[in-house]
Amino acid sequence: MTTVAKAGWSGVKNGRLLRQADGEFDILVTVDRNLSFQQRVIDFRLAVIVLKAPSNRLQDLLPLVPQVLDTVATIPLGSVVVIS
């Protein structure tokens, strides 16, 4: 597990980000609600979990963690799941 910043991918746009993560990670977790509309996730060997919260602050995202953990166990590659 890593973050975009730790991987040195800060500022990388969605298409390139998916290409870089493809094959290296199984799941990409993001708060970018547009990613799944702008990119064909099915073309990649990873799944995307989109977190939909009032903000990307930790206090707003923490309530989503149980559902994220459940989703991680079952999400198929090439799919997108929105958790709110």
PDB file of N, CA and C in Angstrom:
ATOM      1  N   MET A   1       0.845  -1.171   0.000  1.00  0.00           N
ATOM      2  CA  MET A   1       0.000   0.000   0.000  1.00  0.00           C
ATOM      3  C   MET A   1       0.894   1.238   0.000  1.00  0.00           C
ATOM      4  N   THR A   2       0.497   2.238  -0.768  1.00  0.00           N
ATOM      5  CA  THR A   2       1.242   3.485  -0.830  1.00  0.00           C
ATOM      6  C   THR A   2       0.285   4.612  -1.195  1.00  0.00           C
ATOM      7  N   THR A   3       0.815   5.801  -1.262  1.00  0.00           N
ATOM      8  CA  THR A   3       0.037   6.956  -1.713  1.00  0.00           C
ATOM      9  C   THR A   3       0.653   7.469  -3.001  1.00  0.00           C
ATOM     10  N   VAL A   4      -0.083   8.296  -3.702  1.00  0.00           N
ATOM     11  CA  VAL A   4       0.434   8.900  -4.926  1.00  0.00           C
ATOM     12  C   VAL A   4       1.698   9.694  -4.612  1.00  0.00           C
ATOM     13  N   ALA A   5       1.679  10.437  -3.529  1.00  0.00           N
ATOM     14  CA  ALA A   5       2.848  11.246  -3.158  1.00  0.00           C
ATOM     15  C   ALA A   5       4.063  10.365  -2.859  1.00  0.00           C
ATOM     16  N   LYS A   6       3.873   9.292  -2.092  1.00  0.00           N
ATOM     17  CA  LYS A   6       4.994   8.400  -1.750  1.00  0.00           C
ATOM     18  C   LYS A   6       5.550   7.689  -2.972  1.00  0.00           C
ATOM     19  N   ALA A   7       4.690   7.427  -3.950  1.00  0.00           N
ATOM     20  CA  ALA A   7       5.139   6.766  -5.178  1.00  0.00           C
ATOM     21  C   ALA A   7       5.827   7.738  -6.131  1.00  0.00           C
ATOM     22  N   GLY A   8       5.778   9.045  -5.809  1.00  0.00           N
ATOM     23  CA  GLY A   8       6.382  10.044  -6.689  1.00  0.00           C
ATOM     24  C   GLY A   8       5.499  10.391  -7.867  1.00  0.00           C
ATOM     25  N   TRP A   9       4.197  10.144  -7.733  1.00  0.00           N
ATOM     26  CA  TRP A   9       3.272  10.371  -8.835  1.00  0.00           C
ATOM     27  C   TRP A   9       2.403  11.599  -8.620  1.00  0.00           C
ATOM     28  N   SER A  10       2.750  12.471  -7.713  1.00  0.00           N
ATOM     29  CA  SER A  10       1.958  13.686  -7.479  1.00  0.00           C
ATOM     30  C   SER A  10       1.858  14.489  -8.761  1.00  0.00           C
ATOM     31  N   GLY A  11       0.664  14.952  -9.063  1.00  0.00           N
ATOM     32  CA  GLY A  11       0.451  15.743 -10.271  1.00  0.00           C
ATOM     33  C   GLY A  11       0.211  14.925 -11.520  1.00  0.00           C
ATOM     34  N   VAL A  12       0.315  13.607 -11.416  1.00  0.00           N
ATOM     35  CA  VAL A  12       0.083  12.743 -12.572  1.00  0.00           C
ATOM     36  C   VAL A  12      -1.418  12.690 -12.847  1.00  0.00           C
ATOM     37  N   LYS A  13      -1.802  12.911 -14.065  1.00  0.00           N
ATOM     38  CA  LYS A  13      -3.217  12.930 -14.448  1.00  0.00           C
ATOM     39  C   LYS A  13      -3.784  11.513 -14.508  1.00  0.00           C
ATOM     40  N   ASN A  14      -5.103  11.410 -14.502  1.00  0.00           N
ATOM     41  CA  ASN A  14      -5.796  10.139 -14.350  1.00  0.00           C
ATOM     42  C   ASN A  14      -5.380   9.038 -15.314  1.00  0.00           C
ATOM     43  N   GLY A  15      -5.327   9.314 -16.607  1.00  0.00           N
ATOM     44  CA  GLY A  15      -4.966   8.284 -17.573  1.00  0.00           C
ATOM     45  C   GLY A  15      -3.572   7.742 -17.325  1.00  0.00           C
ATOM     46  N   ARG A  16      -2.639   8.622 -17.133  1.00  0.00           N
ATOM     47  CA  ARG A  16      -1.258   8.196 -16.877  1.00  0.00           C
ATOM     48  C   ARG A  16      -1.161   7.499 -15.518  1.00  0.00           C
ATOM     49  N   LEU A  17      -1.896   7.998 -14.534  1.00  0.00           N
ATOM     50  CA  LEU A  17      -1.892   7.382 -13.214  1.00  0.00           C
ATOM     51  C   LEU A  17      -2.375   5.932 -13.295  1.00  0.00           C
ATOM     52  N   LEU A  18      -3.446   5.702 -14.013  1.00  0.00           N
ATOM     53  CA  LEU A  18      -3.941   4.335 -14.177  1.00  0.00           C
ATOM     54  C   LEU A  18      -2.926   3.459 -14.909  1.00  0.00           C
ATOM     55  N   ARG A  19      -2.275   3.991 -15.924  1.00  0.00           N
ATOM     56  CA  ARG A  19      -1.258   3.213 -16.651  1.00  0.00           C
ATOM     57  C   ARG A  19      -0.093   2.857 -15.739  1.00  0.00           C
ATOM     58  N   GLN A  20       0.329   3.794 -14.900  1.00  0.00           N
ATOM     59  CA  GLN A  20       1.444   3.527 -13.991  1.00  0.00           C
ATOM     60  C   GLN A  20       1.053   2.520 -12.911  1.00  0.00           C
ATOM     61  N   ALA A  21      -0.168   2.590 -12.431  1.00  0.00           N
ATOM     62  CA  ALA A  21      -0.624   1.678 -11.375  1.00  0.00           C
ATOM     63  C   ALA A  21      -0.985   0.298 -11.931  1.00  0.00           C
ATOM     64  N   ASP A  22      -1.307   0.231 -13.218  1.00  0.00           N
ATOM     65  CA  ASP A  22      -1.731  -1.008 -13.865  1.00  0.00           C
ATOM     66  C   ASP A  22      -0.667  -2.089 -13.702  1.00  0.00           C
ATOM     67  N   GLY A  23      -1.074  -3.217 -13.144  1.00  0.00           N
ATOM     68  CA  GLY A  23      -0.144  -4.322 -12.967  1.00  0.00           C
ATOM     69  C   GLY A  23       0.704  -4.214 -11.711  1.00  0.00           C
ATOM     70  N   GLU A  24       0.875  -3.014 -11.189  1.00  0.00           N
ATOM     71  CA  GLU A  24       1.660  -2.830  -9.966  1.00  0.00           C
ATOM     72  C   GLU A  24       0.764  -2.911  -8.727  1.00  0.00           C
ATOM     73  N   PHE A  25      -0.493  -2.496  -8.887  1.00  0.00           N
ATOM     74  CA  PHE A  25      -1.455  -2.527  -7.793  1.00  0.00           C
ATOM     75  C   PHE A  25      -2.735  -3.204  -8.274  1.00  0.00           C
ATOM     76  N   ASP A  26      -3.468  -3.782  -7.354  1.00  0.00           N
ATOM     77  CA  ASP A  26      -4.742  -4.400  -7.691  1.00  0.00           C
ATOM     78  C   ASP A  26      -5.890  -3.410  -7.588  1.00  0.00           C
ATOM     79  N   ILE A  27      -5.766  -2.450  -6.653  1.00  0.00           N
ATOM     80  CA  ILE A  27      -6.854  -1.519  -6.392  1.00  0.00           C
ATOM     81  C   ILE A  27      -6.307  -0.109  -6.229  1.00  0.00           C
ATOM     82  N   LEU A  28      -6.989   0.843  -6.841  1.00  0.00           N
ATOM     83  CA  LEU A  28      -6.696   2.255  -6.673  1.00  0.00           C
ATOM     84  C   LEU A  28      -7.861   2.875  -5.918  1.00  0.00           C
ATOM     85  N   VAL A  29      -7.575   3.489  -4.781  1.00  0.00           N
ATOM     86  CA  VAL A  29      -8.599   4.171  -3.997  1.00  0.00           C
ATOM     87  C   VAL A  29      -8.418   5.662  -4.217  1.00  0.00           C
ATOM     88  N   THR A  30      -9.503   6.343  -4.576  1.00  0.00           N
ATOM     89  CA  THR A  30      -9.415   7.758  -4.912  1.00  0.00           C
ATOM     90  C   THR A  30     -10.636   8.519  -4.408  1.00  0.00           C
ATOM     91  N   VAL A  31     -10.494   9.814  -4.282  1.00  0.00           N
ATOM     92  CA  VAL A  31     -11.636  10.682  -4.002  1.00  0.00           C
ATOM     93  C   VAL A  31     -12.039  11.441  -5.264  1.00  0.00           C
ATOM     94  N   ASP A  32     -11.388  11.155  -6.377  1.00  0.00           N
ATOM     95  CA  ASP A  32     -11.684  11.798  -7.657  1.00  0.00           C
ATOM     96  C   ASP A  32     -12.935  11.163  -8.263  1.00  0.00           C
ATOM     97  N   ARG A  33     -14.050  11.835  -8.141  1.00  0.00           N
ATOM     98  CA  ARG A  33     -15.326  11.299  -8.608  1.00  0.00           C
ATOM     99  C   ARG A  33     -15.419  11.229 -10.129  1.00  0.00           C
ATOM    100  N   ASN A  34     -14.569  11.954 -10.835  1.00  0.00           N
ATOM    101  CA  ASN A  34     -14.631  11.981 -12.296  1.00  0.00           C
ATOM    102  C   ASN A  34     -13.794  10.904 -12.958  1.00  0.00           C
ATOM    103  N   LEU A  35     -12.896  10.285 -12.233  1.00  0.00           N
ATOM    104  CA  LEU A  35     -11.975   9.322 -12.828  1.00  0.00           C
ATOM    105  C   LEU A  35     -12.702   8.248 -13.614  1.00  0.00           C
ATOM    106  N   SER A  36     -13.734   7.680 -13.042  1.00  0.00           N
ATOM    107  CA  SER A  36     -14.422   6.574 -13.721  1.00  0.00           C
ATOM    108  C   SER A  36     -15.214   7.034 -14.946  1.00  0.00           C
ATOM    109  N   PHE A  37     -15.517   8.319 -15.049  1.00  0.00           N
ATOM    110  CA  PHE A  37     -16.214   8.838 -16.226  1.00  0.00           C
ATOM    111  C   PHE A  37     -15.224   9.246 -17.321  1.00  0.00           C
ATOM    112  N   GLN A  38     -14.010   9.588 -16.927  1.00  0.00           N
ATOM    113  CA  GLN A  38     -13.012  10.066 -17.873  1.00  0.00           C
ATOM    114  C   GLN A  38     -12.115   8.953 -18.410  1.00  0.00           C
ATOM    115  N   GLN A  39     -12.075   7.819 -17.723  1.00  0.00           N
ATOM    116  CA  GLN A  39     -11.178   6.735 -18.110  1.00  0.00           C
ATOM    117  C   GLN A  39     -11.951   5.426 -18.213  1.00  0.00           C
ATOM    118  N   ARG A  40     -11.486   4.556 -19.089  1.00  0.00           N
ATOM    119  CA  ARG A  40     -12.076   3.220 -19.218  1.00  0.00           C
ATOM    120  C   ARG A  40     -11.316   2.271 -18.299  1.00  0.00           C
ATOM    121  N   VAL A  41     -11.784   2.165 -17.093  1.00  0.00           N
ATOM    122  CA  VAL A  41     -11.103   1.344 -16.080  1.00  0.00           C
ATOM    123  C   VAL A  41     -11.056  -0.114 -16.511  1.00  0.00           C
ATOM    124  N   ILE A  42     -12.035  -0.550 -17.270  1.00  0.00           N
ATOM    125  CA  ILE A  42     -12.068  -1.942 -17.722  1.00  0.00           C
ATOM    126  C   ILE A  42     -10.836  -2.303 -18.559  1.00  0.00           C
ATOM    127  N   ASP A  43     -10.158  -1.307 -19.120  1.00  0.00           N
ATOM    128  CA  ASP A  43      -8.960  -1.546 -19.929  1.00  0.00           C
ATOM    129  C   ASP A  43      -7.720  -1.829 -19.083  1.00  0.00           C
ATOM    130  N   PHE A  44      -7.836  -1.751 -17.765  1.00  0.00           N
ATOM    131  CA  PHE A  44      -6.684  -1.911 -16.883  1.00  0.00           C
ATOM    132  C   PHE A  44      -6.843  -3.142 -15.992  1.00  0.00           C
ATOM    133  N   ARG A  45      -5.711  -3.658 -15.515  1.00  0.00           N
ATOM    134  CA  ARG A  45      -5.704  -4.814 -14.620  1.00  0.00           C
ATOM    135  C   ARG A  45      -5.715  -4.352 -13.167  1.00  0.00           C
ATOM    136  N   LEU A  46      -6.664  -3.488 -12.866  1.00  0.00           N
ATOM    137  CA  LEU A  46      -6.861  -3.038 -11.494  1.00  0.00           C
ATOM    138  C   LEU A  46      -8.304  -2.619 -11.335  1.00  0.00           C
ATOM    139  N   ALA A  47      -8.710  -2.445 -10.100  1.00  0.00           N
ATOM    140  CA  ALA A  47     -10.056  -1.973  -9.793  1.00  0.00           C
ATOM    141  C   ALA A  47      -9.926  -0.603  -9.152  1.00  0.00           C
ATOM    142  N   VAL A  48     -11.010   0.152  -9.181  1.00  0.00           N
ATOM    143  CA  VAL A  48     -11.006   1.494  -8.607  1.00  0.00           C
ATOM    144  C   VAL A  48     -12.130   1.599  -7.579  1.00  0.00           C
ATOM    145  N   ILE A  49     -11.773   2.110  -6.412  1.00  0.00           N
ATOM    146  CA  ILE A  49     -12.757   2.432  -5.385  1.00  0.00           C
ATOM    147  C   ILE A  49     -12.771   3.950  -5.267  1.00  0.00           C
ATOM    148  N   VAL A  50     -13.929   4.546  -5.507  1.00  0.00           N
ATOM    149  CA  VAL A  50     -14.090   5.993  -5.414  1.00  0.00           C
ATOM    150  C   VAL A  50     -14.793   6.301  -4.091  1.00  0.00           C
ATOM    151  N   LEU A  51     -14.145   7.105  -3.263  1.00  0.00           N
ATOM    152  CA  LEU A  51     -14.728   7.505  -1.987  1.00  0.00           C
ATOM    153  C   LEU A  51     -15.485   8.811  -2.173  1.00  0.00           C
ATOM    154  N   LYS A  52     -16.742   8.792  -1.819  1.00  0.00           N
ATOM    155  CA  LYS A  52     -17.596   9.967  -1.959  1.00  0.00           C
ATOM    156  C   LYS A  52     -17.970  10.438  -0.554  1.00  0.00           C
ATOM    157  N   ALA A  53     -17.310  11.504  -0.115  1.00  0.00           N
ATOM    158  CA  ALA A  53     -17.512  12.056   1.226  1.00  0.00           C
ATOM    159  C   ALA A  53     -17.624  13.574   1.099  1.00  0.00           C
ATOM    160  N   PRO A  54     -18.071  14.247   2.160  1.00  0.00           N
ATOM    161  CA  PRO A  54     -18.182  15.707   2.094  1.00  0.00           C
ATOM    162  C   PRO A  54     -16.861  16.405   1.755  1.00  0.00           C
ATOM    163  N   SER A  55     -15.737  15.794   2.155  1.00  0.00           N
ATOM    164  CA  SER A  55     -14.418  16.339   1.819  1.00  0.00           C
ATOM    165  C   SER A  55     -13.422  15.188   1.827  1.00  0.00           C
ATOM    166  N   ASN A  56     -12.173  15.484   1.507  1.00  0.00           N
ATOM    167  CA  ASN A  56     -11.148  14.444   1.560  1.00  0.00           C
ATOM    168  C   ASN A  56     -10.380  14.475   2.879  1.00  0.00           C
ATOM    169  N   ARG A  57     -10.956  15.131   3.870  1.00  0.00           N
ATOM    170  CA  ARG A  57     -10.351  15.150   5.206  1.00  0.00           C
ATOM    171  C   ARG A  57     -10.560  13.795   5.868  1.00  0.00           C
ATOM    172  N   LEU A  58      -9.587  13.397   6.655  1.00  0.00           N
ATOM    173  CA  LEU A  58      -9.616  12.100   7.302  1.00  0.00           C
ATOM    174  C   LEU A  58     -10.902  11.879   8.098  1.00  0.00           C
ATOM    175  N   GLN A  59     -11.360  12.884   8.802  1.00  0.00           N
ATOM    176  CA  GLN A  59     -12.573  12.725   9.613  1.00  0.00           C
ATOM    177  C   GLN A  59     -13.800  12.417   8.767  1.00  0.00           C
ATOM    178  N   ASP A  60     -13.816  12.852   7.524  1.00  0.00           N
ATOM    179  CA  ASP A  60     -14.932  12.549   6.626  1.00  0.00           C
ATOM    180  C   ASP A  60     -14.774  11.191   5.953  1.00  0.00           C
ATOM    181  N   LEU A  61     -13.533  10.737   5.792  1.00  0.00           N
ATOM    182  CA  LEU A  61     -13.272   9.473   5.108  1.00  0.00           C
ATOM    183  C   LEU A  61     -13.314   8.263   6.047  1.00  0.00           C
ATOM    184  N   LEU A  62     -12.966   8.442   7.307  1.00  0.00           N
ATOM    185  CA  LEU A  62     -12.917   7.327   8.251  1.00  0.00           C
ATOM    186  C   LEU A  62     -14.213   6.521   8.334  1.00  0.00           C
ATOM    187  N   PRO A  63     -15.388   7.144   8.305  1.00  0.00           N
ATOM    188  CA  PRO A  63     -16.615   6.337   8.359  1.00  0.00           C
ATOM    189  C   PRO A  63     -16.786   5.380   7.168  1.00  0.00           C
ATOM    190  N   LEU A  64     -16.058   5.608   6.094  1.00  0.00           N
ATOM    191  CA  LEU A  64     -16.163   4.764   4.906  1.00  0.00           C
ATOM    192  C   LEU A  64     -15.276   3.522   4.977  1.00  0.00           C
ATOM    193  N   VAL A  65     -14.357   3.495   5.921  1.00  0.00           N
ATOM    194  CA  VAL A  65     -13.360   2.417   5.996  1.00  0.00           C
ATOM    195  C   VAL A  65     -13.976   1.022   6.081  1.00  0.00           C
ATOM    196  N   PRO A  66     -14.979   0.764   6.926  1.00  0.00           N
ATOM    197  CA  PRO A  66     -15.538  -0.598   6.957  1.00  0.00           C
ATOM    198  C   PRO A  66     -16.054  -1.067   5.593  1.00  0.00           C
ATOM    199  N   GLN A  67     -16.713  -0.184   4.871  1.00  0.00           N
ATOM    200  CA  GLN A  67     -17.228  -0.561   3.555  1.00  0.00           C
ATOM    201  C   GLN A  67     -16.081  -0.747   2.554  1.00  0.00           C
ATOM    202  N   VAL A  68     -15.035   0.063   2.681  1.00  0.00           N
ATOM    203  CA  VAL A  68     -13.859  -0.111   1.817  1.00  0.00           C
ATOM    204  C   VAL A  68     -13.256  -1.496   2.044  1.00  0.00           C
ATOM    205  N   LEU A  69     -13.081  -1.882   3.296  1.00  0.00           N
ATOM    206  CA  LEU A  69     -12.489  -3.185   3.604  1.00  0.00           C
ATOM    207  C   LEU A  69     -13.339  -4.325   3.060  1.00  0.00           C
ATOM    208  N   ASP A  70     -14.652  -4.214   3.149  1.00  0.00           N
ATOM    209  CA  ASP A  70     -15.525  -5.235   2.576  1.00  0.00           C
ATOM    210  C   ASP A  70     -15.385  -5.289   1.060  1.00  0.00           C
ATOM    211  N   THR A  71     -15.295  -4.134   0.438  1.00  0.00           N
ATOM    212  CA  THR A  71     -15.204  -4.045  -1.021  1.00  0.00           C
ATOM    213  C   THR A  71     -13.881  -4.595  -1.531  1.00  0.00           C
ATOM    214  N   VAL A  72     -12.805  -4.312  -0.827  1.00  0.00           N
ATOM    215  CA  VAL A  72     -11.473  -4.785  -1.235  1.00  0.00           C
ATOM    216  C   VAL A  72     -11.461  -6.307  -1.385  1.00  0.00           C
ATOM    217  N   ALA A  73     -12.213  -6.984  -0.548  1.00  0.00           N
ATOM    218  CA  ALA A  73     -12.215  -8.445  -0.569  1.00  0.00           C
ATOM    219  C   ALA A  73     -12.931  -9.032  -1.779  1.00  0.00           C
ATOM    220  N   THR A  74     -13.784  -8.238  -2.451  1.00  0.00           N
ATOM    221  CA  THR A  74     -14.611  -8.810  -3.511  1.00  0.00           C
ATOM    222  C   THR A  74     -14.586  -8.080  -4.850  1.00  0.00           C
ATOM    223  N   ILE A  75     -13.981  -6.923  -4.930  1.00  0.00           N
ATOM    224  CA  ILE A  75     -14.046  -6.115  -6.155  1.00  0.00           C
ATOM    225  C   ILE A  75     -13.268  -6.785  -7.291  1.00  0.00           C
ATOM    226  N   PRO A  76     -13.909  -6.980  -8.438  1.00  0.00           N
ATOM    227  CA  PRO A  76     -13.191  -7.571  -9.566  1.00  0.00           C
ATOM    228  C   PRO A  76     -12.334  -6.537 -10.313  1.00  0.00           C
ATOM    229  N   LEU A  77     -11.237  -6.988 -10.873  1.00  0.00           N
ATOM    230  CA  LEU A  77     -10.389  -6.114 -11.676  1.00  0.00           C
ATOM    231  C   LEU A  77     -11.201  -5.533 -12.822  1.00  0.00           C
ATOM    232  N   GLY A  78     -10.911  -4.285 -13.159  1.00  0.00           N
ATOM    233  CA  GLY A  78     -11.599  -3.620 -14.258  1.00  0.00           C
ATOM    234  C   GLY A  78     -12.904  -2.948 -13.855  1.00  0.00           C
ATOM    235  N   SER A  79     -13.224  -3.004 -12.574  1.00  0.00           N
ATOM    236  CA  SER A  79     -14.488  -2.418 -12.140  1.00  0.00           C
ATOM    237  C   SER A  79     -14.272  -1.183 -11.270  1.00  0.00           C
ATOM    238  N   VAL A  80     -15.356  -0.439 -11.100  1.00  0.00           N
ATOM    239  CA  VAL A  80     -15.351   0.758 -10.271  1.00  0.00           C
ATOM    240  C   VAL A  80     -16.488   0.622  -9.267  1.00  0.00           C
ATOM    241  N   VAL A  81     -16.176   0.882  -8.001  1.00  0.00           N
ATOM    242  CA  VAL A  81     -17.188   0.886  -6.948  1.00  0.00           C
ATOM    243  C   VAL A  81     -17.120   2.249  -6.266  1.00  0.00           C
ATOM    244  N   VAL A  82     -18.282   2.888  -6.125  1.00  0.00           N
ATOM    245  CA  VAL A  82     -18.368   4.158  -5.423  1.00  0.00           C
ATOM    246  C   VAL A  82     -18.888   3.885  -4.023  1.00  0.00           C
ATOM    247  N   ILE A  83     -18.166   4.377  -3.028  1.00  0.00           N
ATOM    248  CA  ILE A  83     -18.560   4.200  -1.632  1.00  0.00           C
ATOM    249  C   ILE A  83     -18.874   5.572  -1.052  1.00  0.00           C
ATOM    250  N   SER A  84     -20.081   5.691  -0.496  1.00  0.00           N
ATOM    251  CA  SER A  84     -20.469   6.972   0.101  1.00  0.00           C
ATOM    252  C   SER A  84     -21.175   6.742   1.424  1.00  0.00           C
TER     253      SER A  84
END
